[in-house]
Amino acid sequence: MPPPGALLTWRDGRHYVPGDGAPCTLCGALAHLISHAGEYVHKVCAEAWLTEHPLEARQGRFVSDA
């Protein structure tokens, strides 16, 4: 898992949602990315969440591609 303030690496095609997308689980705006955990989310929202919640981030909610 990336440290707080780090950028996520989501280059794998499985992160990209075809079609209309769905609401971001963090901000509610339409998102076309999906996390490893299956949550629709903007990459920038996930990165901000990691910075704002460093203790919870250790549980692996948002991670980079291996």
Protein backbone atom coordinates (compact mmCIF):
# COMPACT_ATOMS: atom_id res chain seq x y z
CA MET A 1 0.00 0.00 0.00
CA PRO A 2 1.29 3.48 -0.77
CA PRO A 3 2.23 5.84 2.06
CA PRO A 4 0.08 8.93 2.72
CA GLY A 5 0.60 11.50 -0.02
CA ALA A 6 1.84 8.97 -2.56
CA LEU A 7 0.27 8.55 -5.98
CA LEU A 8 -1.51 5.32 -6.87
CA THR A 9 -0.37 3.38 -9.93
CA TRP A 10 -3.48 2.16 -11.72
CA ARG A 11 -2.31 1.29 -15.24
CA ASP A 12 -3.98 -2.11 -15.46
CA GLY A 13 -7.02 -2.13 -17.74
CA ARG A 14 -9.20 -3.68 -15.04
CA HIS A 15 -9.42 -0.26 -13.37
CA TYR A 16 -11.18 1.30 -16.35
CA VAL A 17 -14.96 0.95 -16.47
CA PRO A 18 -16.58 0.82 -19.91
CA GLY A 19 -19.77 2.75 -20.48
CA ASP A 20 -21.31 5.36 -18.24
CA GLY A 21 -19.47 4.54 -15.00
CA ALA A 22 -21.04 4.96 -11.58
CA PRO A 23 -20.96 7.43 -8.67
CA CYS A 24 -17.61 7.73 -6.89
CA THR A 25 -17.84 6.16 -3.44
CA LEU A 26 -16.02 9.17 -1.98
CA CYS A 27 -17.37 12.28 -3.75
CA GLY A 28 -20.51 11.06 -5.53
CA ALA A 29 -19.58 12.42 -8.98
CA LEU A 30 -19.54 10.05 -11.97
CA ALA A 31 -16.38 7.89 -11.96
CA HIS A 32 -14.92 5.69 -14.68
CA LEU A 33 -12.35 3.89 -12.53
CA ILE A 34 -12.74 0.98 -10.16
CA SER A 35 -10.42 0.13 -7.26
CA HIS A 36 -8.94 -3.28 -6.47
CA ALA A 37 -11.73 -3.64 -3.90
CA GLY A 38 -14.43 -3.07 -6.55
CA GLU A 39 -15.33 0.48 -5.54
CA TYR A 40 -16.07 3.09 -8.21
CA VAL A 41 -13.74 5.95 -7.39
CA HIS A 42 -11.69 8.75 -8.91
CA LYS A 43 -7.96 8.13 -8.57
CA VAL A 44 -7.51 11.62 -7.12
CA CYS A 45 -10.26 10.96 -4.55
CA ALA A 46 -8.59 7.69 -3.50
CA GLU A 47 -5.21 9.43 -3.17
CA ALA A 48 -6.75 12.22 -1.08
CA TRP A 49 -8.49 9.64 1.12
CA LEU A 50 -5.15 7.85 1.71
CA THR A 51 -3.61 11.14 2.86
CA GLU A 52 -6.55 12.06 5.09
CA HIS A 53 -6.92 8.59 6.67
CA PRO A 54 -3.39 7.22 7.22
CA LEU A 55 -4.40 4.67 9.87
CA GLU A 56 -7.32 3.27 7.87
CA ALA A 57 -5.13 3.26 4.74
CA ARG A 58 -3.07 0.46 6.32
CA GLN A 59 -6.08 -1.83 5.90
CA GLY A 60 -5.56 -1.72 2.12
CA ARG A 61 -8.73 -0.03 0.89
CA PHE A 62 -6.84 1.60 -2.00
CA VAL A 63 -3.60 0.05 -3.27
CA SER A 64 -1.34 0.36 -6.29
CA ASP A 65 -0.97 -2.28 -9.00
CA ALA A 66 1.71 -4.82 -8.20
